[in-house]
Amino acid sequence: MIICITGTNTDVGKTIATAALAAQLKAAGKHVIVAKPVQTGEPAGLGDAPTIARLAGVQKTEMVAVW
């Protein structure tokens, strides 16, 4: 199963929705991988990926492209 979270603007809840969904799927015993392939407007390490990892209980995150 692949789930894609999108939104039409910044600060509309994509990060929190992604983390909540990932946490619920993980709690249900599913193998969960969360990918944030592009992050804009934030220095590396301060974007959404670390927040999603912390809230969803994911052990590893990688920044692929930061602008």
PDB file of N, CA and C in Angstrom:
ATOM      1  N   MET A   1       0.843  -1.160   0.000  1.00  0.00           N
ATOM      2  CA  MET A   1       0.000   0.000   0.000  1.00  0.00           C
ATOM      3  C   MET A   1       0.898   1.235   0.000  1.00  0.00           C
ATOM      4  N   ILE A   2       0.571   2.195  -0.814  1.00  0.00           N
ATOM      5  CA  ILE A   2       1.270   3.473  -0.849  1.00  0.00           C
ATOM      6  C   ILE A   2       0.242   4.561  -0.593  1.00  0.00           C
ATOM      7  N   ILE A   3       0.546   5.434   0.362  1.00  0.00           N
ATOM      8  CA  ILE A   3      -0.329   6.556   0.678  1.00  0.00           C
ATOM      9  C   ILE A   3       0.469   7.829   0.450  1.00  0.00           C
ATOM     10  N   CYS A   4      -0.104   8.761  -0.275  1.00  0.00           N
ATOM     11  CA  CYS A   4       0.564  10.028  -0.561  1.00  0.00           C
ATOM     12  C   CYS A   4      -0.233  11.158   0.090  1.00  0.00           C
ATOM     13  N   ILE A   5       0.420  11.910   0.958  1.00  0.00           N
ATOM     14  CA  ILE A   5      -0.208  13.051   1.617  1.00  0.00           C
ATOM     15  C   ILE A   5       0.223  14.307   0.870  1.00  0.00           C
ATOM     16  N   THR A   6      -0.739  15.084   0.408  1.00  0.00           N
ATOM     17  CA  THR A   6      -0.435  16.332  -0.292  1.00  0.00           C
ATOM     18  C   THR A   6      -1.306  17.448   0.264  1.00  0.00           C
ATOM     19  N   GLY A   7      -0.938  18.669  -0.044  1.00  0.00           N
ATOM     20  CA  GLY A   7      -1.722  19.827   0.362  1.00  0.00           C
ATOM     21  C   GLY A   7      -1.460  20.969  -0.588  1.00  0.00           C
ATOM     22  N   THR A   8      -2.325  21.963  -0.531  1.00  0.00           N
ATOM     23  CA  THR A   8      -2.229  23.072  -1.476  1.00  0.00           C
ATOM     24  C   THR A   8      -1.445  24.259  -0.949  1.00  0.00           C
ATOM     25  N   ASN A   9      -0.971  24.171   0.293  1.00  0.00           N
ATOM     26  CA  ASN A   9      -0.248  25.300   0.862  1.00  0.00           C
ATOM     27  C   ASN A   9       0.633  24.820   2.001  1.00  0.00           C
ATOM     28  N   THR A  10       1.410  25.714   2.575  1.00  0.00           N
ATOM     29  CA  THR A  10       2.187  25.387   3.769  1.00  0.00           C
ATOM     30  C   THR A  10       1.304  25.570   4.998  1.00  0.00           C
ATOM     31  N   ASP A  11       1.692  24.917   6.086  1.00  0.00           N
ATOM     32  CA  ASP A  11       0.977  25.046   7.366  1.00  0.00           C
ATOM     33  C   ASP A  11      -0.494  24.656   7.281  1.00  0.00           C
ATOM     34  N   VAL A  12      -0.791  23.592   6.527  1.00  0.00           N
ATOM     35  CA  VAL A  12      -2.169  23.106   6.446  1.00  0.00           C
ATOM     36  C   VAL A  12      -2.354  21.761   7.141  1.00  0.00           C
ATOM     37  N   GLY A  13      -1.288  21.226   7.764  1.00  0.00           N
ATOM     38  CA  GLY A  13      -1.417  20.007   8.550  1.00  0.00           C
ATOM     39  C   GLY A  13      -0.870  18.742   7.933  1.00  0.00           C
ATOM     40  N   LYS A  14      -0.136  18.844   6.836  1.00  0.00           N
ATOM     41  CA  LYS A  14       0.395  17.648   6.173  1.00  0.00           C
ATOM     42  C   LYS A  14       1.346  16.872   7.072  1.00  0.00           C
ATOM     43  N   THR A  15       2.210  17.568   7.782  1.00  0.00           N
ATOM     44  CA  THR A  15       3.196  16.909   8.640  1.00  0.00           C
ATOM     45  C   THR A  15       2.517  16.155   9.773  1.00  0.00           C
ATOM     46  N   ILE A  16       1.582  16.795  10.446  1.00  0.00           N
ATOM     47  CA  ILE A  16       0.885  16.163  11.566  1.00  0.00           C
ATOM     48  C   ILE A  16       0.024  15.007  11.076  1.00  0.00           C
ATOM     49  N   ALA A  17      -0.671  15.190   9.959  1.00  0.00           N
ATOM     50  CA  ALA A  17      -1.487  14.102   9.405  1.00  0.00           C
ATOM     51  C   ALA A  17      -0.622  12.910   9.019  1.00  0.00           C
ATOM     52  N   THR A  18       0.530  13.180   8.415  1.00  0.00           N
ATOM     53  CA  THR A  18       1.448  12.106   8.028  1.00  0.00           C
ATOM     54  C   THR A  18       1.954  11.355   9.247  1.00  0.00           C
ATOM     55  N   ALA A  19       2.370  12.093  10.269  1.00  0.00           N
ATOM     56  CA  ALA A  19       2.881  11.460  11.490  1.00  0.00           C
ATOM     57  C   ALA A  19       1.798  10.635  12.175  1.00  0.00           C
ATOM     58  N   ALA A  20       0.582  11.164  12.258  1.00  0.00           N
ATOM     59  CA  ALA A  20      -0.513  10.440  12.907  1.00  0.00           C
ATOM     60  C   ALA A  20      -0.853   9.161  12.150  1.00  0.00           C
ATOM     61  N   LEU A  21      -0.926   9.252  10.840  1.00  0.00           N
ATOM     62  CA  LEU A  21      -1.228   8.078  10.027  1.00  0.00           C
ATOM     63  C   LEU A  21      -0.124   7.037  10.145  1.00  0.00           C
ATOM     64  N   ALA A  22       1.123   7.472  10.089  1.00  0.00           N
ATOM     65  CA  ALA A  22       2.252   6.543  10.215  1.00  0.00           C
ATOM     66  C   ALA A  22       2.248   5.865  11.576  1.00  0.00           C
ATOM     67  N   ALA A  23       1.967   6.622  12.628  1.00  0.00           N
ATOM     68  CA  ALA A  23       1.933   6.051  13.980  1.00  0.00           C
ATOM     69  C   ALA A  23       0.825   5.011  14.110  1.00  0.00           C
ATOM     70  N   GLN A  24      -0.336   5.288  13.553  1.00  0.00           N
ATOM     71  CA  GLN A  24      -1.452   4.340  13.623  1.00  0.00           C
ATOM     72  C   GLN A  24      -1.155   3.068  12.838  1.00  0.00           C
ATOM     73  N   LEU A  25      -0.591   3.210  11.660  1.00  0.00           N
ATOM     74  CA  LEU A  25      -0.241   2.036  10.863  1.00  0.00           C
ATOM     75  C   LEU A  25       0.834   1.206  11.557  1.00  0.00           C
ATOM     76  N   LYS A  26       1.808   1.876  12.146  1.00  0.00           N
ATOM     77  CA  LYS A  26       2.860   1.175  12.879  1.00  0.00           C
ATOM     78  C   LYS A  26       2.274   0.435  14.079  1.00  0.00           C
ATOM     79  N   ALA A  27       1.360   1.080  14.799  1.00  0.00           N
ATOM     80  CA  ALA A  27       0.707   0.453  15.950  1.00  0.00           C
ATOM     81  C   ALA A  27      -0.127  -0.756  15.536  1.00  0.00           C
ATOM     82  N   ALA A  28      -0.601  -0.756  14.295  1.00  0.00           N
ATOM     83  CA  ALA A  28      -1.388  -1.876  13.772  1.00  0.00           C
ATOM     84  C   ALA A  28      -0.498  -2.992  13.239  1.00  0.00           C
ATOM     85  N   GLY A  29       0.817  -2.838  13.415  1.00  0.00           N
ATOM     86  CA  GLY A  29       1.741  -3.886  12.998  1.00  0.00           C
ATOM     87  C   GLY A  29       2.213  -3.799  11.564  1.00  0.00           C
ATOM     88  N   LYS A  30       1.923  -2.709  10.909  1.00  0.00           N
ATOM     89  CA  LYS A  30       2.356  -2.532   9.520  1.00  0.00           C
ATOM     90  C   LYS A  30       3.804  -2.049   9.471  1.00  0.00           C
ATOM     91  N   HIS A  31       4.486  -2.414   8.395  1.00  0.00           N
ATOM     92  CA  HIS A  31       5.839  -1.902   8.142  1.00  0.00           C
ATOM     93  C   HIS A  31       5.669  -0.535   7.495  1.00  0.00           C
ATOM     94  N   VAL A  32       6.167   0.496   8.142  1.00  0.00           N
ATOM     95  CA  VAL A  32       5.927   1.865   7.691  1.00  0.00           C
ATOM     96  C   VAL A  32       7.238   2.532   7.293  1.00  0.00           C
ATOM     97  N   ILE A  33       7.222   3.136   6.133  1.00  0.00           N
ATOM     98  CA  ILE A  33       8.324   3.975   5.679  1.00  0.00           C
ATOM     99  C   ILE A  33       7.725   5.332   5.331  1.00  0.00           C
ATOM    100  N   VAL A  34       8.271   6.382   5.908  1.00  0.00           N
ATOM    101  CA  VAL A  34       7.822   7.734   5.602  1.00  0.00           C
ATOM    102  C   VAL A  34       8.926   8.420   4.818  1.00  0.00           C
ATOM    103  N   ALA A  35       8.573   8.980   3.672  1.00  0.00           N
ATOM    104  CA  ALA A  35       9.559   9.654   2.826  1.00  0.00           C
ATOM    105  C   ALA A  35       9.157  11.109   2.632  1.00  0.00           C
ATOM    106  N   LYS A  36      10.100  11.990   2.810  1.00  0.00           N
ATOM    107  CA  LYS A  36       9.925  13.413   2.509  1.00  0.00           C
ATOM    108  C   LYS A  36      11.022  13.756   1.512  1.00  0.00           C
ATOM    109  N   PRO A  37      10.763  13.542   0.214  1.00  0.00           N
ATOM    110  CA  PRO A  37      11.833  13.666  -0.776  1.00  0.00           C
ATOM    111  C   PRO A  37      12.354  15.085  -0.983  1.00  0.00           C
ATOM    112  N   VAL A  38      11.525  16.094  -0.717  1.00  0.00           N
ATOM    113  CA  VAL A  38      11.955  17.476  -0.919  1.00  0.00           C
ATOM    114  C   VAL A  38      11.488  18.321   0.261  1.00  0.00           C
ATOM    115  N   GLN A  39      12.373  19.170   0.753  1.00  0.00           N
ATOM    116  CA  GLN A  39      12.040  20.119   1.822  1.00  0.00           C
ATOM    117  C   GLN A  39      12.506  21.488   1.372  1.00  0.00           C
ATOM    118  N   THR A  40      11.634  22.471   1.419  1.00  0.00           N
ATOM    119  CA  THR A  40      12.021  23.821   1.016  1.00  0.00           C
ATOM    120  C   THR A  40      11.865  24.786   2.184  1.00  0.00           C
ATOM    121  N   GLY A  41      12.715  25.790   2.198  1.00  0.00           N
ATOM    122  CA  GLY A  41      12.568  26.870   3.153  1.00  0.00           C
ATOM    123  C   GLY A  41      13.071  26.610   4.558  1.00  0.00           C
ATOM    124  N   GLU A  42      13.685  25.476   4.812  1.00  0.00           N
ATOM    125  CA  GLU A  42      14.193  25.153   6.146  1.00  0.00           C
ATOM    126  C   GLU A  42      15.622  24.653   6.042  1.00  0.00           C
ATOM    127  N   PRO A  43      16.473  25.000   7.008  1.00  0.00           N
ATOM    128  CA  PRO A  43      17.821  24.428   7.026  1.00  0.00           C
ATOM    129  C   PRO A  43      17.754  22.917   7.252  1.00  0.00           C
ATOM    130  N   ALA A  44      18.729  22.203   6.745  1.00  0.00           N
ATOM    131  CA  ALA A  44      18.776  20.749   6.936  1.00  0.00           C
ATOM    132  C   ALA A  44      18.702  20.421   8.420  1.00  0.00           C
ATOM    133  N   GLY A  45      17.892  19.435   8.756  1.00  0.00           N
ATOM    134  CA  GLY A  45      17.734  19.011  10.138  1.00  0.00           C
ATOM    135  C   GLY A  45      16.635  19.733  10.885  1.00  0.00           C
ATOM    136  N   LEU A  46      16.096  20.805  10.307  1.00  0.00           N
ATOM    137  CA  LEU A  46      15.046  21.562  10.979  1.00  0.00           C
ATOM    138  C   LEU A  46      13.712  21.484  10.253  1.00  0.00           C
ATOM    139  N   GLY A  47      13.610  20.661   9.246  1.00  0.00           N
ATOM    140  CA  GLY A  47      12.388  20.572   8.458  1.00  0.00           C
ATOM    141  C   GLY A  47      11.390  19.594   9.045  1.00  0.00           C
ATOM    142  N   ASP A  48      10.493  19.122   8.207  1.00  0.00           N
ATOM    143  CA  ASP A  48       9.404  18.257   8.637  1.00  0.00           C
ATOM    144  C   ASP A  48       9.822  16.821   8.912  1.00  0.00           C
ATOM    145  N   ALA A  49      10.848  16.327   8.246  1.00  0.00           N
ATOM    146  CA  ALA A  49      11.231  14.918   8.409  1.00  0.00           C
ATOM    147  C   ALA A  49      11.564  14.560   9.856  1.00  0.00           C
ATOM    148  N   PRO A  50      12.362  15.353  10.574  1.00  0.00           N
ATOM    149  CA  PRO A  50      12.618  15.012  11.975  1.00  0.00           C
ATOM    150  C   PRO A  50      11.358  15.053  12.840  1.00  0.00           C
ATOM    151  N   THR A  51      10.452  15.962  12.536  1.00  0.00           N
ATOM    152  CA  THR A  51       9.191  16.046  13.282  1.00  0.00           C
ATOM    153  C   THR A  51       8.350  14.805  13.052  1.00  0.00           C
ATOM    154  N   ILE A  52       8.232  14.381  11.805  1.00  0.00           N
ATOM    155  CA  ILE A  52       7.473  13.169  11.491  1.00  0.00           C
ATOM    156  C   ILE A  52       8.103  11.968  12.178  1.00  0.00           C
ATOM    157  N   ALA A  53       9.421  11.869  12.122  1.00  0.00           N
ATOM    158  CA  ALA A  53      10.115  10.742  12.751  1.00  0.00           C
ATOM    159  C   ALA A  53       9.842  10.700  14.248  1.00  0.00           C
ATOM    160  N   ARG A  54       9.917  11.848  14.902  1.00  0.00           N
ATOM    161  CA  ARG A  54       9.697  11.907  16.346  1.00  0.00           C
ATOM    162  C   ARG A  54       8.257  11.548  16.705  1.00  0.00           C
ATOM    163  N   LEU A  55       7.291  12.122  16.010  1.00  0.00           N
ATOM    164  CA  LEU A  55       5.887  11.882  16.337  1.00  0.00           C
ATOM    165  C   LEU A  55       5.419  10.481  15.977  1.00  0.00           C
ATOM    166  N   ALA A  56       5.972   9.912  14.905  1.00  0.00           N
ATOM    167  CA  ALA A  56       5.533   8.591  14.443  1.00  0.00           C
ATOM    168  C   ALA A  56       6.357   7.461  15.039  1.00  0.00           C
ATOM    169  N   GLY A  57       7.450   7.794  15.716  1.00  0.00           N
ATOM    170  CA  GLY A  57       8.296   6.750  16.289  1.00  0.00           C
ATOM    171  C   GLY A  57       9.174   6.061  15.272  1.00  0.00           C
ATOM    172  N   VAL A  58       9.515   6.765  14.204  1.00  0.00           N
ATOM    173  CA  VAL A  58      10.387   6.224  13.168  1.00  0.00           C
ATOM    174  C   VAL A  58      11.831   6.414  13.614  1.00  0.00           C
ATOM    175  N   GLN A  59      12.663   5.408  13.398  1.00  0.00           N
ATOM    176  CA  GLN A  59      14.035   5.453  13.883  1.00  0.00           C
ATOM    177  C   GLN A  59      14.988   6.240  12.996  1.00  0.00           C
ATOM    178  N   LYS A  60      14.742   6.286  11.699  1.00  0.00           N
ATOM    179  CA  LYS A  60      15.709   6.884  10.785  1.00  0.00           C
ATOM    180  C   LYS A  60      15.000   7.765   9.768  1.00  0.00           C
ATOM    181  N   THR A  61      15.578   8.914   9.509  1.00  0.00           N
ATOM    182  CA  THR A  61      15.084   9.779   8.439  1.00  0.00           C
ATOM    183  C   THR A  61      16.271  10.221   7.602  1.00  0.00           C
ATOM    184  N   GLU A  62      16.013  10.511   6.361  1.00  0.00           N
ATOM    185  CA  GLU A  62      17.048  11.028   5.468  1.00  0.00           C
ATOM    186  C   GLU A  62      16.487  12.215   4.713  1.00  0.00           C
ATOM    187  N   MET A  63      17.296  13.243   4.570  1.00  0.00           N
ATOM    188  CA  MET A  63      16.924  14.380   3.748  1.00  0.00           C
ATOM    189  C   MET A  63      17.476  14.120   2.352  1.00  0.00           C
ATOM    190  N   VAL A  64      16.618  14.111   1.357  1.00  0.00           N
ATOM    191  CA  VAL A  64      17.041  13.818  -0.007  1.00  0.00           C
ATOM    192  C   VAL A  64      17.411  15.093  -0.747  1.00  0.00           C
ATOM    193  N   ALA A  65      16.545  16.088  -0.717  1.00  0.00           N
ATOM    194  CA  ALA A  65      16.803  17.342  -1.426  1.00  0.00           C
ATOM    195  C   ALA A  65      16.282  18.502  -0.588  1.00  0.00           C
ATOM    196  N   VAL A  66      17.168  19.388  -0.208  1.00  0.00           N
ATOM    197  CA  VAL A  66      16.794  20.554   0.592  1.00  0.00           C
ATOM    198  C   VAL A  66      17.062  21.803  -0.227  1.00  0.00           C
ATOM    199  N   TRP A  67      16.030  22.653  -0.339  1.00  0.00           N
ATOM    200  CA  TRP A  67      16.186  23.918  -1.057  1.00  0.00           C
ATOM    201  C   TRP A  67      15.862  25.054  -0.136  1.00  0.00           C
TER     202      TRP A  67
END
